[in-house]
Amino acid sequence: LQPVRVATGSDEEGLLVFDGERRLVAVLTHLSDENEVAPGHWYLEAGFGRIDGVEHPAFADLDEAQDWIIRRMATRRL
């Protein structure tokens, strides 16, 4: 995980997510406490490779986000 600012227009705190081979696989943004949908959650802003898809979930914490990404990488084919 590498901290980064993401120009979303509102919530800018983000993380770049890399796999074990230092390939970028996802960008997560931390939703503000004022967010109407999922306050304080982490949101899958973008996914790449096996993480790419129409699903962009929000996660209660980083552990949940990382677990989801690991499962997705293990089960999805490129």
PDB file of N, CA and C in Angstrom:
ATOM      1  N   LEU A   1       0.843  -1.177   0.000  1.00  0.00           N
ATOM      2  CA  LEU A   1       0.000   0.000   0.000  1.00  0.00           C
ATOM      3  C   LEU A   1       0.887   1.238   0.000  1.00  0.00           C
ATOM      4  N   GLN A   2       0.532   2.176  -0.851  1.00  0.00           N
ATOM      5  CA  GLN A   2       1.295   3.422  -0.920  1.00  0.00           C
ATOM      6  C   GLN A   2       0.320   4.597  -0.883  1.00  0.00           C
ATOM      7  N   PRO A   3       0.451   5.481   0.108  1.00  0.00           N
ATOM      8  CA  PRO A   3      -0.445   6.634   0.193  1.00  0.00           C
ATOM      9  C   PRO A   3      -0.326   7.531  -1.035  1.00  0.00           C
ATOM     10  N   VAL A   4      -1.466   8.103  -1.427  1.00  0.00           N
ATOM     11  CA  VAL A   4      -1.516   8.997  -2.580  1.00  0.00           C
ATOM     12  C   VAL A   4      -2.748   9.884  -2.446  1.00  0.00           C
ATOM     13  N   ARG A   5      -2.682  11.076  -3.017  1.00  0.00           N
ATOM     14  CA  ARG A   5      -3.858  11.931  -3.099  1.00  0.00           C
ATOM     15  C   ARG A   5      -4.537  11.633  -4.433  1.00  0.00           C
ATOM     16  N   VAL A   6      -5.851  11.462  -4.394  1.00  0.00           N
ATOM     17  CA  VAL A   6      -6.619  11.121  -5.588  1.00  0.00           C
ATOM     18  C   VAL A   6      -7.587  12.267  -5.880  1.00  0.00           C
ATOM     19  N   ALA A   7      -7.554  12.781  -7.105  1.00  0.00           N
ATOM     20  CA  ALA A   7      -8.402  13.918  -7.488  1.00  0.00           C
ATOM     21  C   ALA A   7      -9.810  13.429  -7.839  1.00  0.00           C
ATOM     22  N   THR A   8     -10.602  13.141  -6.791  1.00  0.00           N
ATOM     23  CA  THR A   8     -11.960  12.663  -7.005  1.00  0.00           C
ATOM     24  C   THR A   8     -12.980  13.793  -6.976  1.00  0.00           C
ATOM     25  N   GLY A   9     -12.554  14.959  -6.511  1.00  0.00           N
ATOM     26  CA  GLY A   9     -13.469  16.073  -6.378  1.00  0.00           C
ATOM     27  C   GLY A   9     -13.983  16.242  -4.957  1.00  0.00           C
ATOM     28  N   SER A  10     -13.823  15.197  -4.136  1.00  0.00           N
ATOM     29  CA  SER A  10     -14.250  15.320  -2.740  1.00  0.00           C
ATOM     30  C   SER A  10     -13.260  14.608  -1.822  1.00  0.00           C
ATOM     31  N   ASP A  11     -13.277  13.297  -1.798  1.00  0.00           N
ATOM     32  CA  ASP A  11     -12.410  12.526  -0.905  1.00  0.00           C
ATOM     33  C   ASP A  11     -11.076  12.258  -1.598  1.00  0.00           C
ATOM     34  N   GLU A  12      -9.992  12.857  -1.077  1.00  0.00           N
ATOM     35  CA  GLU A  12      -8.705  12.767  -1.763  1.00  0.00           C
ATOM     36  C   GLU A  12      -7.725  11.776  -1.155  1.00  0.00           C
ATOM     37  N   GLU A  13      -7.920  11.354   0.085  1.00  0.00           N
ATOM     38  CA  GLU A  13      -6.997  10.413   0.716  1.00  0.00           C
ATOM     39  C   GLU A  13      -7.135   9.062   0.025  1.00  0.00           C
ATOM     40  N   GLY A  14      -6.013   8.561  -0.468  1.00  0.00           N
ATOM     41  CA  GLY A  14      -6.085   7.296  -1.180  1.00  0.00           C
ATOM     42  C   GLY A  14      -4.867   6.423  -0.960  1.00  0.00           C
ATOM     43  N   LEU A  15      -4.962   5.225  -1.512  1.00  0.00           N
ATOM     44  CA  LEU A  15      -3.866   4.267  -1.454  1.00  0.00           C
ATOM     45  C   LEU A  15      -3.731   3.569  -2.803  1.00  0.00           C
ATOM     46  N   LEU A  16      -2.492   3.465  -3.258  1.00  0.00           N
ATOM     47  CA  LEU A  16      -2.206   2.613  -4.403  1.00  0.00           C
ATOM     48  C   LEU A  16      -1.955   1.218  -3.854  1.00  0.00           C
ATOM     49  N   VAL A  17      -2.538   0.215  -4.484  1.00  0.00           N
ATOM     50  CA  VAL A  17      -2.394  -1.162  -4.025  1.00  0.00           C
ATOM     51  C   VAL A  17      -1.589  -1.926  -5.077  1.00  0.00           C
ATOM     52  N   PHE A  18      -0.469  -2.492  -4.638  1.00  0.00           N
ATOM     53  CA  PHE A  18       0.406  -3.245  -5.531  1.00  0.00           C
ATOM     54  C   PHE A  18       0.371  -4.719  -5.164  1.00  0.00           C
ATOM     55  N   ASP A  19       0.589  -5.570  -6.165  1.00  0.00           N
ATOM     56  CA  ASP A  19       0.692  -7.001  -5.874  1.00  0.00           C
ATOM     57  C   ASP A  19       2.130  -7.323  -5.487  1.00  0.00           C
ATOM     58  N   GLY A  20       2.434  -8.588  -5.293  1.00  0.00           N
ATOM     59  CA  GLY A  20       3.765  -9.007  -4.861  1.00  0.00           C
ATOM     60  C   GLY A  20       4.859  -8.749  -5.874  1.00  0.00           C
ATOM     61  N   GLU A  21       4.471  -8.457  -7.108  1.00  0.00           N
ATOM     62  CA  GLU A  21       5.453  -8.178  -8.158  1.00  0.00           C
ATOM     63  C   GLU A  21       5.530  -6.686  -8.475  1.00  0.00           C
ATOM     64  N   ARG A  22       5.015  -5.858  -7.541  1.00  0.00           N
ATOM     65  CA  ARG A  22       5.035  -4.385  -7.660  1.00  0.00           C
ATOM     66  C   ARG A  22       4.226  -3.869  -8.843  1.00  0.00           C
ATOM     67  N   ARG A  23       3.182  -4.603  -9.246  1.00  0.00           N
ATOM     68  CA  ARG A  23       2.258  -4.126 -10.275  1.00  0.00           C
ATOM     69  C   ARG A  23       1.067  -3.468  -9.590  1.00  0.00           C
ATOM     70  N   LEU A  24       0.666  -2.317 -10.105  1.00  0.00           N
ATOM     71  CA  LEU A  24      -0.498  -1.621  -9.563  1.00  0.00           C
ATOM     72  C   LEU A  24      -1.752  -2.416  -9.894  1.00  0.00           C
ATOM     73  N   VAL A  25      -2.517  -2.786  -8.857  1.00  0.00           N
ATOM     74  CA  VAL A  25      -3.727  -3.568  -9.084  1.00  0.00           C
ATOM     75  C   VAL A  25      -4.995  -2.824  -8.689  1.00  0.00           C
ATOM     76  N   ALA A  26      -4.871  -1.787  -7.842  1.00  0.00           N
ATOM     77  CA  ALA A  26      -6.070  -1.065  -7.413  1.00  0.00           C
ATOM     78  C   ALA A  26      -5.718   0.297  -6.845  1.00  0.00           C
ATOM     79  N   VAL A  27      -6.724   1.167  -6.860  1.00  0.00           N
ATOM     80  CA  VAL A  27      -6.649   2.463  -6.185  1.00  0.00           C
ATOM     81  C   VAL A  27      -7.840   2.527  -5.240  1.00  0.00           C
ATOM     82  N   LEU A  28      -7.554   2.736  -3.966  1.00  0.00           N
ATOM     83  CA  LEU A  28      -8.596   2.875  -2.953  1.00  0.00           C
ATOM     84  C   LEU A  28      -8.666   4.332  -2.504  1.00  0.00           C
ATOM     85  N   THR A  29      -9.871   4.814  -2.241  1.00  0.00           N
ATOM     86  CA  THR A  29     -10.023   6.147  -1.656  1.00  0.00           C
ATOM     87  C   THR A  29     -10.751   6.008  -0.324  1.00  0.00           C
ATOM     88  N   HIS A  30     -10.347   6.853   0.628  1.00  0.00           N
ATOM     89  CA  HIS A  30     -10.965   6.844   1.958  1.00  0.00           C
ATOM     90  C   HIS A  30     -12.096   7.850   1.944  1.00  0.00           C
ATOM     91  N   LEU A  31     -13.317   7.371   2.113  1.00  0.00           N
ATOM     92  CA  LEU A  31     -14.479   8.246   2.096  1.00  0.00           C
ATOM     93  C   LEU A  31     -14.574   9.025   3.401  1.00  0.00           C
ATOM     94  N   SER A  32     -14.959  10.270   3.292  1.00  0.00           N
ATOM     95  CA  SER A  32     -15.045  11.116   4.484  1.00  0.00           C
ATOM     96  C   SER A  32     -16.179  10.654   5.395  1.00  0.00           C
ATOM     97  N   ASP A  33     -16.147  11.128   6.617  1.00  0.00           N
ATOM     98  CA  ASP A  33     -17.204  10.802   7.568  1.00  0.00           C
ATOM     99  C   ASP A  33     -18.539  11.436   7.163  1.00  0.00           C
ATOM    100  N   GLU A  34     -18.496  12.418   6.264  1.00  0.00           N
ATOM    101  CA  GLU A  34     -19.710  13.072   5.782  1.00  0.00           C
ATOM    102  C   GLU A  34     -20.282  12.390   4.540  1.00  0.00           C
ATOM    103  N   ASN A  35     -19.610  11.371   4.033  1.00  0.00           N
ATOM    104  CA  ASN A  35     -20.095  10.668   2.848  1.00  0.00           C
ATOM    105  C   ASN A  35     -21.468  10.064   3.142  1.00  0.00           C
ATOM    106  N   GLU A  36     -22.422  10.258   2.231  1.00  0.00           N
ATOM    107  CA  GLU A  36     -23.797   9.814   2.453  1.00  0.00           C
ATOM    108  C   GLU A  36     -23.990   8.314   2.286  1.00  0.00           C
ATOM    109  N   VAL A  37     -23.154   7.675   1.475  1.00  0.00           N
ATOM    110  CA  VAL A  37     -23.340   6.258   1.163  1.00  0.00           C
ATOM    111  C   VAL A  37     -22.605   5.354   2.145  1.00  0.00           C
ATOM    112  N   ALA A  38     -21.320   5.633   2.376  1.00  0.00           N
ATOM    113  CA  ALA A  38     -20.505   4.759   3.230  1.00  0.00           C
ATOM    114  C   ALA A  38     -19.487   5.593   4.004  1.00  0.00           C
ATOM    115  N   PRO A  39     -19.934   6.358   4.993  1.00  0.00           N
ATOM    116  CA  PRO A  39     -19.022   7.244   5.720  1.00  0.00           C
ATOM    117  C   PRO A  39     -17.859   6.500   6.367  1.00  0.00           C
ATOM    118  N   GLY A  40     -16.646   7.026   6.125  1.00  0.00           N
ATOM    119  CA  GLY A  40     -15.446   6.467   6.728  1.00  0.00           C
ATOM    120  C   GLY A  40     -14.935   5.182   6.105  1.00  0.00           C
ATOM    121  N   HIS A  41     -15.607   4.693   5.090  1.00  0.00           N
ATOM    122  CA  HIS A  41     -15.195   3.444   4.449  1.00  0.00           C
ATOM    123  C   HIS A  41     -14.107   3.702   3.404  1.00  0.00           C
ATOM    124  N   TRP A  42     -13.499   2.618   2.940  1.00  0.00           N
ATOM    125  CA  TRP A  42     -12.558   2.644   1.828  1.00  0.00           C
ATOM    126  C   TRP A  42     -13.293   2.164   0.588  1.00  0.00           C
ATOM    127  N   TYR A  43     -13.120   2.875  -0.528  1.00  0.00           N
ATOM    128  CA  TYR A  43     -13.858   2.617  -1.762  1.00  0.00           C
ATOM    129  C   TYR A  43     -12.886   2.203  -2.856  1.00  0.00           C
ATOM    130  N   LEU A  44     -13.249   1.177  -3.612  1.00  0.00           N
ATOM    131  CA  LEU A  44     -12.442   0.762  -4.756  1.00  0.00           C
ATOM    132  C   LEU A  44     -12.688   1.744  -5.890  1.00  0.00           C
ATOM    133  N   GLU A  45     -11.805   2.725  -5.994  1.00  0.00           N
ATOM    134  CA  GLU A  45     -11.924   3.754  -7.029  1.00  0.00           C
ATOM    135  C   GLU A  45     -11.636   3.182  -8.404  1.00  0.00           C
ATOM    136  N   ALA A  46     -10.614   2.333  -8.490  1.00  0.00           N
ATOM    137  CA  ALA A  46     -10.240   1.711  -9.766  1.00  0.00           C
ATOM    138  C   ALA A  46      -9.558   0.382  -9.496  1.00  0.00           C
ATOM    139  N   GLY A  47      -9.804  -0.558 -10.379  1.00  0.00           N
ATOM    140  CA  GLY A  47      -9.136  -1.845 -10.304  1.00  0.00           C
ATOM    141  C   GLY A  47      -8.516  -2.170 -11.642  1.00  0.00           C
ATOM    142  N   PHE A  48      -7.441  -2.912 -11.631  1.00  0.00           N
ATOM    143  CA  PHE A  48      -6.724  -3.251 -12.857  1.00  0.00           C
ATOM    144  C   PHE A  48      -6.493  -4.755 -12.909  1.00  0.00           C
ATOM    145  N   GLY A  49      -6.383  -5.293 -14.113  1.00  0.00           N
ATOM    146  CA  GLY A  49      -6.151  -6.721 -14.255  1.00  0.00           C
ATOM    147  C   GLY A  49      -7.291  -7.506 -13.645  1.00  0.00           C
ATOM    148  N   ARG A  50      -6.965  -8.383 -12.730  1.00  0.00           N
ATOM    149  CA  ARG A  50      -7.974  -9.237 -12.104  1.00  0.00           C
ATOM    150  C   ARG A  50      -8.949  -8.486 -11.209  1.00  0.00           C
ATOM    151  N   ILE A  51      -8.602  -7.273 -10.827  1.00  0.00           N
ATOM    152  CA  ILE A  51      -9.473  -6.478  -9.955  1.00  0.00           C
ATOM    153  C   ILE A  51     -10.451  -5.646 -10.771  1.00  0.00           C
ATOM    154  N   ASP A  52     -10.199  -5.488 -12.060  1.00  0.00           N
ATOM    155  CA  ASP A  52     -11.052  -4.689 -12.937  1.00  0.00           C
ATOM    156  C   ASP A  52     -12.428  -5.329 -13.054  1.00  0.00           C
ATOM    157  N   GLY A  53     -13.436  -4.507 -13.154  1.00  0.00           N
ATOM    158  CA  GLY A  53     -14.794  -5.011 -13.322  1.00  0.00           C
ATOM    159  C   GLY A  53     -15.808  -3.929 -13.019  1.00  0.00           C
ATOM    160  N   VAL A  54     -17.071  -4.290 -13.118  1.00  0.00           N
ATOM    161  CA  VAL A  54     -18.136  -3.315 -12.874  1.00  0.00           C
ATOM    162  C   VAL A  54     -18.377  -3.095 -11.384  1.00  0.00           C
ATOM    163  N   GLU A  55     -17.927  -4.021 -10.559  1.00  0.00           N
ATOM    164  CA  GLU A  55     -18.123  -3.926  -9.113  1.00  0.00           C
ATOM    165  C   GLU A  55     -17.085  -2.992  -8.496  1.00  0.00           C
ATOM    166  N   HIS A  56     -17.570  -1.984  -7.769  1.00  0.00           N
ATOM    167  CA  HIS A  56     -16.702  -1.051  -7.049  1.00  0.00           C
ATOM    168  C   HIS A  56     -17.215  -0.947  -5.619  1.00  0.00           C
ATOM    169  N   PRO A  57     -16.865  -1.930  -4.779  1.00  0.00           N
ATOM    170  CA  PRO A  57     -17.403  -1.965  -3.420  1.00  0.00           C
ATOM    171  C   PRO A  57     -16.729  -0.972  -2.472  1.00  0.00           C
ATOM    172  N   ALA A  58     -17.390  -0.754  -1.355  1.00  0.00           N
ATOM    173  CA  ALA A  58     -16.828   0.008  -0.242  1.00  0.00           C
ATOM    174  C   ALA A  58     -16.567  -0.980   0.890  1.00  0.00           C
ATOM    175  N   PHE A  59     -15.502  -0.727   1.648  1.00  0.00           N
ATOM    176  CA  PHE A  59     -15.070  -1.633   2.702  1.00  0.00           C
ATOM    177  C   PHE A  59     -14.996  -0.882   4.029  1.00  0.00           C
ATOM    178  N   ALA A  60     -15.389  -1.546   5.100  1.00  0.00           N
ATOM    179  CA  ALA A  60     -15.405  -0.909   6.426  1.00  0.00           C
ATOM    180  C   ALA A  60     -14.012  -0.521   6.892  1.00  0.00           C
ATOM    181  N   ASP A  61     -12.986  -1.302   6.480  1.00  0.00           N
ATOM    182  CA  ASP A  61     -11.613  -0.987   6.877  1.00  0.00           C
ATOM    183  C   ASP A  61     -10.641  -1.549   5.842  1.00  0.00           C
ATOM    184  N   LEU A  62      -9.376  -1.235   6.031  1.00  0.00           N
ATOM    185  CA  LEU A  62      -8.358  -1.673   5.064  1.00  0.00           C
ATOM    186  C   LEU A  62      -8.170  -3.183   5.055  1.00  0.00           C
ATOM    187  N   ASP A  63      -8.311  -3.824   6.208  1.00  0.00           N
ATOM    188  CA  ASP A  63      -8.185  -5.292   6.238  1.00  0.00           C
ATOM    189  C   ASP A  63      -9.231  -5.937   5.346  1.00  0.00           C
ATOM    190  N   GLU A  64     -10.454  -5.451   5.419  1.00  0.00           N
ATOM    191  CA  GLU A  64     -11.531  -5.984   4.588  1.00  0.00           C
ATOM    192  C   GLU A  64     -11.231  -5.749   3.102  1.00  0.00           C
ATOM    193  N   ALA A  65     -10.729  -4.563   2.781  1.00  0.00           N
ATOM    194  CA  ALA A  65     -10.389  -4.248   1.388  1.00  0.00           C
ATOM    195  C   ALA A  65      -9.278  -5.161   0.883  1.00  0.00           C
ATOM    196  N   GLN A  66      -8.238  -5.328   1.674  1.00  0.00           N
ATOM    197  CA  GLN A  66      -7.128  -6.180   1.261  1.00  0.00           C
ATOM    198  C   GLN A  66      -7.564  -7.634   1.113  1.00  0.00           C
ATOM    199  N   ASP A  67      -8.386  -8.123   2.023  1.00  0.00           N
ATOM    200  CA  ASP A  67      -8.888  -9.496   1.917  1.00  0.00           C
ATOM    201  C   ASP A  67      -9.675  -9.688   0.622  1.00  0.00           C
ATOM    202  N   TRP A  68     -10.530  -8.721   0.283  1.00  0.00           N
ATOM    203  CA  TRP A  68     -11.328  -8.803  -0.941  1.00  0.00           C
ATOM    204  C   TRP A  68     -10.416  -8.817  -2.170  1.00  0.00           C
ATOM    205  N   ILE A  69      -9.410  -7.942  -2.176  1.00  0.00           N
ATOM    206  CA  ILE A  69      -8.485  -7.874  -3.318  1.00  0.00           C
ATOM    207  C   ILE A  69      -7.720  -9.185  -3.453  1.00  0.00           C
ATOM    208  N   ILE A  70      -7.241  -9.733  -2.354  1.00  0.00           N
ATOM    209  CA  ILE A  70      -6.501 -11.000  -2.399  1.00  0.00           C
ATOM    210  C   ILE A  70      -7.381 -12.126  -2.937  1.00  0.00           C
ATOM    211  N   ARG A  71      -8.613 -12.210  -2.451  1.00  0.00           N
ATOM    212  CA  ARG A  71      -9.541 -13.243  -2.944  1.00  0.00           C
ATOM    213  C   ARG A  71      -9.819 -13.071  -4.423  1.00  0.00           C
ATOM    214  N   ARG A  72     -10.041 -11.845  -4.830  1.00  0.00           N
ATOM    215  CA  ARG A  72     -10.345 -11.552  -6.236  1.00  0.00           C
ATOM    216  C   ARG A  72      -9.158 -11.928  -7.128  1.00  0.00           C
ATOM    217  N   MET A  73      -7.963 -11.626  -6.691  1.00  0.00           N
ATOM    218  CA  MET A  73      -6.786 -11.950  -7.485  1.00  0.00           C
ATOM    219  C   MET A  73      -6.585 -13.462  -7.585  1.00  0.00           C
ATOM    220  N   ALA A  74      -6.978 -14.193  -6.559  1.00  0.00           N
ATOM    221  CA  ALA A  74      -6.809 -15.631  -6.546  1.00  0.00           C
ATOM    222  C   ALA A  74      -7.853 -16.360  -7.384  1.00  0.00           C
ATOM    223  N   THR A  75      -9.030 -15.763  -7.568  1.00  0.00           N
ATOM    224  CA  THR A  75     -10.120 -16.470  -8.232  1.00  0.00           C
ATOM    225  C   THR A  75     -10.421 -16.010  -9.642  1.00  0.00           C
ATOM    226  N   ARG A  76     -10.029 -14.804 -10.008  1.00  0.00           N
ATOM    227  CA  ARG A  76     -10.368 -14.261 -11.327  1.00  0.00           C
ATOM    228  C   ARG A  76      -9.263 -14.518 -12.316  1.00  0.00           C
ATOM    229  N   ARG A  77      -9.628 -14.764 -13.535  1.00  0.00           N
ATOM    230  CA  ARG A  77      -8.659 -14.923 -14.618  1.00  0.00           C
ATOM    231  C   ARG A  77      -8.539 -13.623 -15.384  1.00  0.00           C
ATOM    232  N   LEU A  78      -7.347 -13.415 -15.948  1.00  0.00           N
ATOM    233  CA  LEU A  78      -7.149 -12.235 -16.806  1.00  0.00           C
ATOM    234  C   LEU A  78      -7.808 -12.443 -18.130  1.00  0.00           C
TER     235      LEU A  78
END
